[in-house]
């Protein structure tokens, strides 16, 4: 079964450090990345899990992972993203 079709029964949280986190912006609003694509090769994470990108204790991105395939994940945060809309 493709990864994007597997949904975890118990959501997990993938935590990333904003200073080291690399992503591509797929959608943006007011210069902030609202939908991102990033490398996620750890098989313990699946669609339905949550990603939190932190800078110290400040949350820069908090959203649901909607798709994982071929080592890439797509997640969205339409409400409070502080990630600059760039390709890193």
PDB file of N, CA and C in Angstrom:
ATOM      1  N   UNK A   1       0.847  -1.177   0.000  1.00  0.00           N
ATOM      2  CA  UNK A   1       0.000   0.000   0.000  1.00  0.00           C
ATOM      3  C   UNK A   1       0.891   1.238   0.000  1.00  0.00           C
ATOM      4  N   UNK A   2       0.670   2.199  -0.896  1.00  0.00           N
ATOM      5  CA  UNK A   2       1.473   3.412  -0.922  1.00  0.00           C
ATOM      6  C   UNK A   2       1.385   4.167   0.403  1.00  0.00           C
ATOM      7  N   UNK A   3       2.475   4.838   0.779  1.00  0.00           N
ATOM      8  CA  UNK A   3       2.519   5.551   2.042  1.00  0.00           C
ATOM      9  C   UNK A   3       1.402   6.574   2.190  1.00  0.00           C
ATOM     10  N   UNK A   4       1.073   7.262   1.095  1.00  0.00           N
ATOM     11  CA  UNK A   4       0.049   8.300   1.225  1.00  0.00           C
ATOM     12  C   UNK A   4      -1.325   7.743   1.539  1.00  0.00           C
ATOM     13  N   UNK A   5      -1.515   6.433   1.383  1.00  0.00           N
ATOM     14  CA  UNK A   5      -2.806   5.835   1.692  1.00  0.00           C
ATOM     15  C   UNK A   5      -2.858   5.264   3.105  1.00  0.00           C
ATOM     16  N   UNK A   6      -1.692   5.155   3.751  1.00  0.00           N
ATOM     17  CA  UNK A   6      -1.664   4.678   5.126  1.00  0.00           C
ATOM     18  C   UNK A   6      -1.868   5.861   6.044  1.00  0.00           C
ATOM     19  N   UNK A   7      -2.765   5.723   6.986  1.00  0.00           N
ATOM     20  CA  UNK A   7      -3.008   6.771   7.962  1.00  0.00           C
ATOM     21  C   UNK A   7      -2.790   6.167   9.336  1.00  0.00           C
ATOM     22  N   UNK A   8      -1.985   6.822  10.141  1.00  0.00           N
ATOM     23  CA  UNK A   8      -1.688   6.308  11.470  1.00  0.00           C
ATOM     24  C   UNK A   8      -2.928   6.328  12.349  1.00  0.00           C
ATOM     25  N   UNK A   9      -3.101   5.261  13.136  1.00  0.00           N
ATOM     26  CA  UNK A   9      -4.200   5.217  14.097  1.00  0.00           C
ATOM     27  C   UNK A   9      -3.946   6.192  15.233  1.00  0.00           C
ATOM     28  N   UNK A  10      -2.705   6.329  15.626  1.00  0.00           N
ATOM     29  CA  UNK A  10      -2.303   7.271  16.665  1.00  0.00           C
ATOM     30  C   UNK A  10      -1.317   8.240  16.029  1.00  0.00           C
ATOM     31  N   UNK A  11      -1.700   9.492  15.963  1.00  0.00           N
ATOM     32  CA  UNK A  11      -0.837  10.480  15.330  1.00  0.00           C
ATOM     33  C   UNK A  11       0.438  10.668  16.123  1.00  0.00           C
ATOM     34  N   UNK A  12       1.515  10.849  15.392  1.00  0.00           N
ATOM     35  CA  UNK A  12       2.807  11.151  15.981  1.00  0.00           C
ATOM     36  C   UNK A  12       3.175  12.565  15.584  1.00  0.00           C
ATOM     37  N   UNK A  13       4.158  13.127  16.275  1.00  0.00           N
ATOM     38  CA  UNK A  13       4.616  14.470  15.961  1.00  0.00           C
ATOM     39  C   UNK A  13       6.060  14.417  15.513  1.00  0.00           C
ATOM     40  N   UNK A  14       6.312  14.932  14.312  1.00  0.00           N
ATOM     41  CA  UNK A  14       7.653  15.061  13.769  1.00  0.00           C
ATOM     42  C   UNK A  14       8.120  16.479  14.094  1.00  0.00           C
ATOM     43  N   UNK A  15       9.218  16.596  14.840  1.00  0.00           N
ATOM     44  CA  UNK A  15       9.727  17.900  15.259  1.00  0.00           C
ATOM     45  C   UNK A  15      11.007  18.214  14.493  1.00  0.00           C
ATOM     46  N   UNK A  16      11.074  19.436  13.944  1.00  0.00           N
ATOM     47  CA  UNK A  16      12.255  19.880  13.201  1.00  0.00           C
ATOM     48  C   UNK A  16      12.720  21.225  13.740  1.00  0.00           C
ATOM     49  N   UNK A  17      14.024  21.452  13.672  1.00  0.00           N
ATOM     50  CA  UNK A  17      14.633  22.706  14.077  1.00  0.00           C
ATOM     51  C   UNK A  17      14.582  23.668  12.885  1.00  0.00           C
ATOM     52  N   UNK A  18      14.002  24.839  13.077  1.00  0.00           N
ATOM     53  CA  UNK A  18      13.819  25.801  11.978  1.00  0.00           C
ATOM     54  C   UNK A  18      15.135  26.192  11.316  1.00  0.00           C
ATOM     55  N   UNK A  19      16.221  26.265  12.083  1.00  0.00           N
ATOM     56  CA  UNK A  19      17.497  26.685  11.529  1.00  0.00           C
ATOM     57  C   UNK A  19      18.088  25.639  10.590  1.00  0.00           C
ATOM     58  N   UNK A  20      17.719  24.376  10.743  1.00  0.00           N
ATOM     59  CA  UNK A  20      18.266  23.295   9.928  1.00  0.00           C
ATOM     60  C   UNK A  20      17.252  22.702   8.945  1.00  0.00           C
ATOM     61  N   UNK A  21      15.994  23.067   9.077  1.00  0.00           N
ATOM     62  CA  UNK A  21      14.916  22.471   8.293  1.00  0.00           C
ATOM     63  C   UNK A  21      14.965  22.970   6.855  1.00  0.00           C
ATOM     64  N   UNK A  22      14.983  22.044   5.907  1.00  0.00           N
ATOM     65  CA  UNK A  22      14.982  22.382   4.492  1.00  0.00           C
ATOM     66  C   UNK A  22      13.653  21.957   3.877  1.00  0.00           C
ATOM     67  N   UNK A  23      13.081  22.826   3.072  1.00  0.00           N
ATOM     68  CA  UNK A  23      11.763  22.573   2.494  1.00  0.00           C
ATOM     69  C   UNK A  23      11.612  23.353   1.198  1.00  0.00           C
ATOM     70  N   UNK A  24      10.602  22.978   0.442  1.00  0.00           N
ATOM     71  CA  UNK A  24      10.191  23.724  -0.746  1.00  0.00           C
ATOM     72  C   UNK A  24       8.795  24.261  -0.484  1.00  0.00           C
ATOM     73  N   UNK A  25       8.549  25.483  -0.880  1.00  0.00           N
ATOM     74  CA  UNK A  25       7.226  26.078  -0.724  1.00  0.00           C
ATOM     75  C   UNK A  25       6.354  25.670  -1.902  1.00  0.00           C
ATOM     76  N   UNK A  26       5.213  25.061  -1.623  1.00  0.00           N
ATOM     77  CA  UNK A  26       4.261  24.712  -2.673  1.00  0.00           C
ATOM     78  C   UNK A  26       3.150  25.744  -2.769  1.00  0.00           C
ATOM     79  N   UNK A  27       2.773  26.325  -1.628  1.00  0.00           N
ATOM     80  CA  UNK A  27       1.783  27.404  -1.590  1.00  0.00           C
ATOM     81  C   UNK A  27       2.234  28.391  -0.525  1.00  0.00           C
ATOM     82  N   UNK A  28       1.880  29.669  -0.743  1.00  0.00           N
ATOM     83  CA  UNK A  28       2.244  30.691   0.225  1.00  0.00           C
ATOM     84  C   UNK A  28       1.136  31.725   0.335  1.00  0.00           C
ATOM     85  N   UNK A  29       1.163  32.424   1.454  1.00  0.00           N
ATOM     86  CA  UNK A  29       0.215  33.508   1.672  1.00  0.00           C
ATOM     87  C   UNK A  29       0.954  34.617   2.415  1.00  0.00           C
ATOM     88  N   UNK A  30       0.949  35.809   1.866  1.00  0.00           N
ATOM     89  CA  UNK A  30       1.625  36.958   2.469  1.00  0.00           C
ATOM     90  C   UNK A  30       3.092  36.672   2.770  1.00  0.00           C
ATOM     91  N   UNK A  31       3.753  35.936   1.893  1.00  0.00           N
ATOM     92  CA  UNK A  31       5.169  35.664   2.053  1.00  0.00           C
ATOM     93  C   UNK A  31       5.504  34.532   3.005  1.00  0.00           C
ATOM     94  N   UNK A  32       4.490  33.898   3.560  1.00  0.00           N
ATOM     95  CA  UNK A  32       4.705  32.780   4.479  1.00  0.00           C
ATOM     96  C   UNK A  32       4.315  31.476   3.780  1.00  0.00           C
ATOM     97  N   UNK A  33       5.141  30.442   3.950  1.00  0.00           N
ATOM     98  CA  UNK A  33       4.867  29.131   3.347  1.00  0.00           C
ATOM     99  C   UNK A  33       3.701  28.470   4.075  1.00  0.00           C
ATOM    100  N   UNK A  34       2.644  28.141   3.342  1.00  0.00           N
ATOM    101  CA  UNK A  34       1.486  27.489   3.957  1.00  0.00           C
ATOM    102  C   UNK A  34       1.384  26.018   3.594  1.00  0.00           C
ATOM    103  N   UNK A  35       1.957  25.621   2.466  1.00  0.00           N
ATOM    104  CA  UNK A  35       2.049  24.210   2.079  1.00  0.00           C
ATOM    105  C   UNK A  35       3.499  23.972   1.681  1.00  0.00           C
ATOM    106  N   UNK A  36       4.110  22.969   2.311  1.00  0.00           N
ATOM    107  CA  UNK A  36       5.520  22.708   2.073  1.00  0.00           C
ATOM    108  C   UNK A  36       5.756  21.252   1.685  1.00  0.00           C
ATOM    109  N   UNK A  37       6.901  21.031   1.048  1.00  0.00           N
ATOM    110  CA  UNK A  37       7.369  19.692   0.680  1.00  0.00           C
ATOM    111  C   UNK A  37       8.754  19.551   1.289  1.00  0.00           C
ATOM    112  N   UNK A  38       8.999  18.429   1.977  1.00  0.00           N
ATOM    113  CA  UNK A  38      10.279  18.241   2.650  1.00  0.00           C
ATOM    114  C   UNK A  38      10.641  16.764   2.680  1.00  0.00           C
ATOM    115  N   UNK A  39      11.936  16.482   2.856  1.00  0.00           N
ATOM    116  CA  UNK A  39      12.418  15.100   2.927  1.00  0.00           C
ATOM    117  C   UNK A  39      11.963  14.486   4.242  1.00  0.00           C
ATOM    118  N   UNK A  40      11.387  13.288   4.151  1.00  0.00           N
ATOM    119  CA  UNK A  40      10.969  12.535   5.327  1.00  0.00           C
ATOM    120  C   UNK A  40      11.121  11.060   4.989  1.00  0.00           C
ATOM    121  N   UNK A  41      12.267  10.515   5.343  1.00  0.00           N
ATOM    122  CA  UNK A  41      12.575   9.133   4.988  1.00  0.00           C
ATOM    123  C   UNK A  41      12.404   8.176   6.157  1.00  0.00           C
ATOM    124  N   UNK A  42      12.044   8.686   7.333  1.00  0.00           N
ATOM    125  CA  UNK A  42      11.842   7.833   8.504  1.00  0.00           C
ATOM    126  C   UNK A  42      10.503   7.107   8.363  1.00  0.00           C
ATOM    127  N   UNK A  43      10.525   5.770   8.277  1.00  0.00           N
ATOM    128  CA  UNK A  43       9.290   5.016   8.035  1.00  0.00           C
ATOM    129  C   UNK A  43       8.290   5.035   9.187  1.00  0.00           C
ATOM    130  N   UNK A  44       8.660   5.590  10.331  1.00  0.00           N
ATOM    131  CA  UNK A  44       7.705   5.629  11.445  1.00  0.00           C
ATOM    132  C   UNK A  44       6.653   6.719  11.276  1.00  0.00           C
ATOM    133  N   UNK A  45       6.898   7.671  10.357  1.00  0.00           N
ATOM    134  CA  UNK A  45       5.944   8.762  10.131  1.00  0.00           C
ATOM    135  C   UNK A  45       5.115   8.495   8.885  1.00  0.00           C
ATOM    136  N   UNK A  46       3.835   8.890   8.962  1.00  0.00           N
ATOM    137  CA  UNK A  46       2.877   8.618   7.895  1.00  0.00           C
ATOM    138  C   UNK A  46       1.958   9.822   7.690  1.00  0.00           C
ATOM    139  N   UNK A  47       1.194   9.770   6.629  1.00  0.00           N
ATOM    140  CA  UNK A  47       0.135  10.758   6.435  1.00  0.00           C
ATOM    141  C   UNK A  47      -0.781  10.706   7.655  1.00  0.00           C
ATOM    142  N   UNK A  48      -1.169  11.860   8.139  1.00  0.00           N
ATOM    143  CA  UNK A  48      -1.997  11.952   9.331  1.00  0.00           C
ATOM    144  C   UNK A  48      -1.195  12.340  10.558  1.00  0.00           C
ATOM    145  N   UNK A  49       0.129  12.235  10.482  1.00  0.00           N
ATOM    146  CA  UNK A  49       0.979  12.693  11.576  1.00  0.00           C
ATOM    147  C   UNK A  49       1.114  14.207  11.486  1.00  0.00           C
ATOM    148  N   UNK A  50       1.723  14.794  12.506  1.00  0.00           N
ATOM    149  CA  UNK A  50       1.847  16.246  12.613  1.00  0.00           C
ATOM    150  C   UNK A  50       3.313  16.630  12.517  1.00  0.00           C
ATOM    151  N   UNK A  51       3.587  17.766  11.877  1.00  0.00           N
ATOM    152  CA  UNK A  51       4.939  18.326  11.863  1.00  0.00           C
ATOM    153  C   UNK A  51       4.916  19.643  12.632  1.00  0.00           C
ATOM    154  N   UNK A  52       5.943  19.828  13.460  1.00  0.00           N
ATOM    155  CA  UNK A  52       6.140  21.085  14.177  1.00  0.00           C
ATOM    156  C   UNK A  52       7.570  21.535  13.896  1.00  0.00           C
ATOM    157  N   UNK A  53       7.708  22.749  13.381  1.00  0.00           N
ATOM    158  CA  UNK A  53       9.024  23.327  13.127  1.00  0.00           C
ATOM    159  C   UNK A  53       9.230  24.415  14.175  1.00  0.00           C
ATOM    160  N   UNK A  54      10.269  24.239  14.986  1.00  0.00           N
ATOM    161  CA  UNK A  54      10.527  25.143  16.101  1.00  0.00           C
ATOM    162  C   UNK A  54      11.799  25.939  15.915  1.00  0.00           C
ATOM    163  N   UNK A  55      11.775  27.167  16.406  1.00  0.00           N
ATOM    164  CA  UNK A  55      12.972  27.978  16.566  1.00  0.00           C
ATOM    165  C   UNK A  55      13.011  28.321  18.048  1.00  0.00           C
ATOM    166  N   UNK A  56      13.835  27.589  18.795  1.00  0.00           N
ATOM    167  CA  UNK A  56      13.780  27.705  20.253  1.00  0.00           C
ATOM    168  C   UNK A  56      12.440  27.171  20.712  1.00  0.00           C
ATOM    169  N   UNK A  57      11.673  28.000  21.411  1.00  0.00           N
ATOM    170  CA  UNK A  57      10.337  27.581  21.844  1.00  0.00           C
ATOM    171  C   UNK A  57       9.232  28.160  20.952  1.00  0.00           C
ATOM    172  N   UNK A  58       9.625  28.909  19.923  1.00  0.00           N
ATOM    173  CA  UNK A  58       8.653  29.525  19.017  1.00  0.00           C
ATOM    174  C   UNK A  58       8.295  28.575  17.871  1.00  0.00           C
ATOM    175  N   UNK A  59       7.001  28.384  17.658  1.00  0.00           N
ATOM    176  CA  UNK A  59       6.518  27.516  16.582  1.00  0.00           C
ATOM    177  C   UNK A  59       6.494  28.308  15.276  1.00  0.00           C
ATOM    178  N   UNK A  60       7.239  27.821  14.270  1.00  0.00           N
ATOM    179  CA  UNK A  60       7.262  28.468  12.963  1.00  0.00           C
ATOM    180  C   UNK A  60       6.310  27.807  11.973  1.00  0.00           C
ATOM    181  N   UNK A  61       5.994  26.548  12.208  1.00  0.00           N
ATOM    182  CA  UNK A  61       5.086  25.816  11.315  1.00  0.00           C
ATOM    183  C   UNK A  61       4.493  24.677  12.124  1.00  0.00           C
ATOM    184  N   UNK A  62       3.186  24.506  12.029  1.00  0.00           N
ATOM    185  CA  UNK A  62       2.494  23.421  12.729  1.00  0.00           C
ATOM    186  C   UNK A  62       1.374  22.952  11.815  1.00  0.00           C
ATOM    187  N   UNK A  63       1.507  21.742  11.317  1.00  0.00           N
ATOM    188  CA  UNK A  63       0.479  21.284  10.390  1.00  0.00           C
ATOM    189  C   UNK A  63       0.428  19.775  10.264  1.00  0.00           C
ATOM    190  N   UNK A  64      -0.545  19.330   9.525  1.00  0.00           N
ATOM    191  CA  UNK A  64      -0.746  17.911   9.294  1.00  0.00           C
ATOM    192  C   UNK A  64       0.018  17.471   8.057  1.00  0.00           C
ATOM    193  N   UNK A  65       0.668  16.313   8.178  1.00  0.00           N
ATOM    194  CA  UNK A  65       1.318  15.710   7.027  1.00  0.00           C
ATOM    195  C   UNK A  65       0.222  15.024   6.220  1.00  0.00           C
ATOM    196  N   UNK A  66       0.007  15.493   5.008  1.00  0.00           N
ATOM    197  CA  UNK A  66      -1.085  14.983   4.191  1.00  0.00           C
ATOM    198  C   UNK A  66      -0.674  13.889   3.236  1.00  0.00           C
ATOM    199  N   UNK A  67       0.623  13.801   2.960  1.00  0.00           N
ATOM    200  CA  UNK A  67       1.088  12.833   1.968  1.00  0.00           C
ATOM    201  C   UNK A  67       2.547  12.520   2.249  1.00  0.00           C
ATOM    202  N   UNK A  68       2.901  11.226   2.143  1.00  0.00           N
ATOM    203  CA  UNK A  68       4.291  10.791   2.214  1.00  0.00           C
ATOM    204  C   UNK A  68       4.496   9.790   1.088  1.00  0.00           C
ATOM    205  N   UNK A  69       5.461  10.080   0.211  1.00  0.00           N
ATOM    206  CA  UNK A  69       5.744   9.175  -0.909  1.00  0.00           C
ATOM    207  C   UNK A  69       7.177   9.372  -1.374  1.00  0.00           C
ATOM    208  N   UNK A  70       7.861   8.281  -1.615  1.00  0.00           N
ATOM    209  CA  UNK A  70       9.218   8.309  -2.173  1.00  0.00           C
ATOM    210  C   UNK A  70      10.184   9.179  -1.369  1.00  0.00           C
ATOM    211  N   UNK A  71      10.045   9.186  -0.044  1.00  0.00           N
ATOM    212  CA  UNK A  71      10.955   9.951   0.802  1.00  0.00           C
ATOM    213  C   UNK A  71      10.633  11.424   0.926  1.00  0.00           C
ATOM    214  N   UNK A  72       9.511  11.854   0.379  1.00  0.00           N
ATOM    215  CA  UNK A  72       9.074  13.248   0.456  1.00  0.00           C
ATOM    216  C   UNK A  72       7.722  13.325   1.148  1.00  0.00           C
ATOM    217  N   UNK A  73       7.520  14.376   1.918  1.00  0.00           N
ATOM    218  CA  UNK A  73       6.239  14.602   2.597  1.00  0.00           C
ATOM    219  C   UNK A  73       5.714  15.983   2.226  1.00  0.00           C
ATOM    220  N   UNK A  74       4.403  16.116   2.250  1.00  0.00           N
ATOM    221  CA  UNK A  74       3.737  17.398   2.027  1.00  0.00           C
ATOM    222  C   UNK A  74       2.896  17.686   3.257  1.00  0.00           C
ATOM    223  N   UNK A  75       3.019  18.912   3.761  1.00  0.00           N
ATOM    224  CA  UNK A  75       2.260  19.311   4.949  1.00  0.00           C
ATOM    225  C   UNK A  75       1.736  20.729   4.750  1.00  0.00           C
ATOM    226  N   UNK A  76       0.685  21.064   5.492  1.00  0.00           N
ATOM    227  CA  UNK A  76       0.095  22.397   5.359  1.00  0.00           C
ATOM    228  C   UNK A  76      -0.169  23.023   6.724  1.00  0.00           C
ATOM    229  N   UNK A  77       0.007  24.336   6.759  1.00  0.00           N
ATOM    230  CA  UNK A  77      -0.280  25.161   7.935  1.00  0.00           C
ATOM    231  C   UNK A  77      -0.863  26.460   7.386  1.00  0.00           C
ATOM    232  N   UNK A  78      -2.178  26.520   7.294  1.00  0.00           N
ATOM    233  CA  UNK A  78      -2.835  27.680   6.687  1.00  0.00           C
ATOM    234  C   UNK A  78      -3.143  28.789   7.689  1.00  0.00           C
ATOM    235  N   UNK A  79      -2.853  28.557   8.967  1.00  0.00           N
ATOM    236  CA  UNK A  79      -3.240  29.544   9.970  1.00  0.00           C
ATOM    237  C   UNK A  79      -2.104  30.326  10.581  1.00  0.00           C
ATOM    238  N   UNK A  80      -0.967  29.679  10.851  1.00  0.00           N
ATOM    239  CA  UNK A  80       0.030  30.404  11.614  1.00  0.00           C
ATOM    240  C   UNK A  80       1.453  30.219  11.174  1.00  0.00           C
ATOM    241  N   UNK A  81       1.687  29.881   9.932  1.00  0.00           N
ATOM    242  CA  UNK A  81       3.043  29.634   9.460  1.00  0.00           C
ATOM    243  C   UNK A  81       3.893  30.888   9.543  1.00  0.00           C
ATOM    244  N   UNK A  82       5.115  30.693  10.048  1.00  0.00           N
ATOM    245  CA  UNK A  82       6.098  31.774  10.073  1.00  0.00           C
ATOM    246  C   UNK A  82       7.291  31.442   9.171  1.00  0.00           C
ATOM    247  N   UNK A  83       7.193  30.342   8.419  1.00  0.00           N
ATOM    248  CA  UNK A  83       8.274  29.983   7.497  1.00  0.00           C
ATOM    249  C   UNK A  83       8.218  30.881   6.280  1.00  0.00           C
ATOM    250  N   UNK A  84       9.348  31.476   5.935  1.00  0.00           N
ATOM    251  CA  UNK A  84       9.416  32.325   4.753  1.00  0.00           C
ATOM    252  C   UNK A  84       9.196  31.485   3.507  1.00  0.00           C
ATOM    253  N   UNK A  85       8.422  31.982   2.574  1.00  0.00           N
ATOM    254  CA  UNK A  85       8.081  31.261   1.346  1.00  0.00           C
ATOM    255  C   UNK A  85       9.246  31.310   0.378  1.00  0.00           C
ATOM    256  N   UNK A  86      10.170  30.363   0.528  1.00  0.00           N
ATOM    257  CA  UNK A  86      11.340  30.274  -0.345  1.00  0.00           C
ATOM    258  C   UNK A  86      11.612  28.815  -0.659  1.00  0.00           C
ATOM    259  N   UNK A  87      12.449  28.579  -1.643  1.00  0.00           N
ATOM    260  CA  UNK A  87      12.966  27.241  -1.893  1.00  0.00           C
ATOM    261  C   UNK A  87      14.368  27.230  -1.318  1.00  0.00           C
ATOM    262  N   UNK A  88      14.582  26.354  -0.360  1.00  0.00           N
ATOM    263  CA  UNK A  88      15.872  26.316   0.332  1.00  0.00           C
ATOM    264  C   UNK A  88      16.736  25.213  -0.168  1.00  0.00           C
TER     265      UNK A  88
END
